[in-house]
């Protein structure tokens, strides 16, 4: 995947632009490591859930504050 337009409409509709970029980067990394699209997708969603919060519309958009 190279751009948000490569994401399915269902996935894209639940991710902000920043979350889309995070998803794609982590998907590509996991896919290169495992060669398994399903595992890469699960990994990408896990990273999005770690780094973003869902808003009231179910969109992963707000970056989580990191505690130092």
C-alpha atoms as a PDB file:
ATOM      1  CA  UNK A   1       0.000   0.000   0.000  1.00  0.00           C
ATOM      2  CA  UNK A   2       1.293   3.391  -0.892  1.00  0.00           C
ATOM      3  CA  UNK A   3      -1.515   5.864  -0.266  1.00  0.00           C
ATOM      4  CA  UNK A   4      -4.839   6.177   1.546  1.00  0.00           C
ATOM      5  CA  UNK A   5      -6.625   5.498  -1.739  1.00  0.00           C
ATOM      6  CA  UNK A   6      -5.215   1.954  -1.508  1.00  0.00           C
ATOM      7  CA  UNK A   7      -7.218   1.373   1.680  1.00  0.00           C
ATOM      8  CA  UNK A   8     -10.678  -0.116   1.418  1.00  0.00           C
ATOM      9  CA  UNK A   9     -13.469   2.440   1.891  1.00  0.00           C
ATOM     10  CA  UNK A  10     -14.511   0.635   5.094  1.00  0.00           C
ATOM     11  CA  UNK A  11     -11.049   1.018   6.628  1.00  0.00           C
ATOM     12  CA  UNK A  12     -10.489   4.549   5.326  1.00  0.00           C
ATOM     13  CA  UNK A  13     -13.806   5.766   6.765  1.00  0.00           C
ATOM     14  CA  UNK A  14     -12.673   4.815  10.279  1.00  0.00           C
ATOM     15  CA  UNK A  15      -9.271   6.507  10.156  1.00  0.00           C
ATOM     16  CA  UNK A  16      -8.214  10.145  10.169  1.00  0.00           C
ATOM     17  CA  UNK A  17      -5.491  11.152   7.701  1.00  0.00           C
ATOM     18  CA  UNK A  18      -2.799  10.713  10.353  1.00  0.00           C
ATOM     19  CA  UNK A  19      -4.218   7.338  11.369  1.00  0.00           C
ATOM     20  CA  UNK A  20      -4.339   6.295   7.698  1.00  0.00           C
ATOM     21  CA  UNK A  21      -0.623   7.076   7.310  1.00  0.00           C
ATOM     22  CA  UNK A  22       0.150   5.162  10.510  1.00  0.00           C
ATOM     23  CA  UNK A  23      -1.942   2.201   9.375  1.00  0.00           C
ATOM     24  CA  UNK A  24      -0.262   2.040   5.952  1.00  0.00           C
ATOM     25  CA  UNK A  25       3.276   2.331   7.318  1.00  0.00           C
ATOM     26  CA  UNK A  26       2.733  -0.387   9.907  1.00  0.00           C
ATOM     27  CA  UNK A  27       0.842  -2.619   7.488  1.00  0.00           C
ATOM     28  CA  UNK A  28       3.674  -2.432   4.977  1.00  0.00           C
ATOM     29  CA  UNK A  29       6.320  -3.155   7.609  1.00  0.00           C
ATOM     30  CA  UNK A  30       4.451  -6.160   8.981  1.00  0.00           C
ATOM     31  CA  UNK A  31       3.679  -7.454   5.485  1.00  0.00           C
ATOM     32  CA  UNK A  32       7.363  -7.266   4.533  1.00  0.00           C
ATOM     33  CA  UNK A  33       8.303  -9.152   7.710  1.00  0.00           C
ATOM     34  CA  UNK A  34       5.618 -11.829   7.643  1.00  0.00           C
ATOM     35  CA  UNK A  35       4.302 -12.010   4.083  1.00  0.00           C
ATOM     36  CA  UNK A  36       0.848 -12.476   5.642  1.00  0.00           C
ATOM     37  CA  UNK A  37      -1.775  -9.858   4.737  1.00  0.00           C
ATOM     38  CA  UNK A  38      -4.104 -10.827   7.593  1.00  0.00           C
ATOM     39  CA  UNK A  39      -1.346 -10.551  10.211  1.00  0.00           C
ATOM     40  CA  UNK A  40      -0.198  -7.257   8.703  1.00  0.00           C
ATOM     41  CA  UNK A  41      -3.745  -5.884   8.936  1.00  0.00           C
ATOM     42  CA  UNK A  42      -4.112  -6.965  12.562  1.00  0.00           C
ATOM     43  CA  UNK A  43      -0.751  -5.430  13.426  1.00  0.00           C
ATOM     44  CA  UNK A  44      -1.651  -2.142  11.726  1.00  0.00           C
ATOM     45  CA  UNK A  45      -4.962  -1.934  13.623  1.00  0.00           C
ATOM     46  CA  UNK A  46      -3.160  -2.707  16.911  1.00  0.00           C
ATOM     47  CA  UNK A  47      -0.757   0.188  16.335  1.00  0.00           C
ATOM     48  CA  UNK A  48      -3.614   2.549  15.448  1.00  0.00           C
ATOM     49  CA  UNK A  49      -5.426   1.542  18.655  1.00  0.00           C
ATOM     50  CA  UNK A  50      -2.246   2.194  20.669  1.00  0.00           C
ATOM     51  CA  UNK A  51      -1.607   5.623  19.162  1.00  0.00           C
ATOM     52  CA  UNK A  52      -5.092   7.033  18.541  1.00  0.00           C
ATOM     53  CA  UNK A  53      -8.430   7.343  20.297  1.00  0.00           C
ATOM     54  CA  UNK A  54     -11.805   6.817  18.673  1.00  0.00           C
ATOM     55  CA  UNK A  55     -14.109   9.803  18.570  1.00  0.00           C
ATOM     56  CA  UNK A  56     -17.870   9.682  19.070  1.00  0.00           C
ATOM     57  CA  UNK A  57     -18.308   8.726  15.396  1.00  0.00           C
ATOM     58  CA  UNK A  58     -16.017   5.699  15.592  1.00  0.00           C
ATOM     59  CA  UNK A  59     -13.158   7.403  13.759  1.00  0.00           C
ATOM     60  CA  UNK A  60      -9.639   6.859  15.068  1.00  0.00           C
ATOM     61  CA  UNK A  61      -8.492  10.449  14.969  1.00  0.00           C
ATOM     62  CA  UNK A  62      -7.157  11.910  18.163  1.00  0.00           C
ATOM     63  CA  UNK A  63      -3.594  11.062  19.024  1.00  0.00           C
ATOM     64  CA  UNK A  64      -3.233   9.643  22.514  1.00  0.00           C
ATOM     65  CA  UNK A  65      -1.219  11.704  24.915  1.00  0.00           C
ATOM     66  CA  UNK A  66       2.020  10.048  25.846  1.00  0.00           C
ATOM     67  CA  UNK A  67       3.143  10.040  29.424  1.00  0.00           C
ATOM     68  CA  UNK A  68       6.795  10.767  29.959  1.00  0.00           C
END
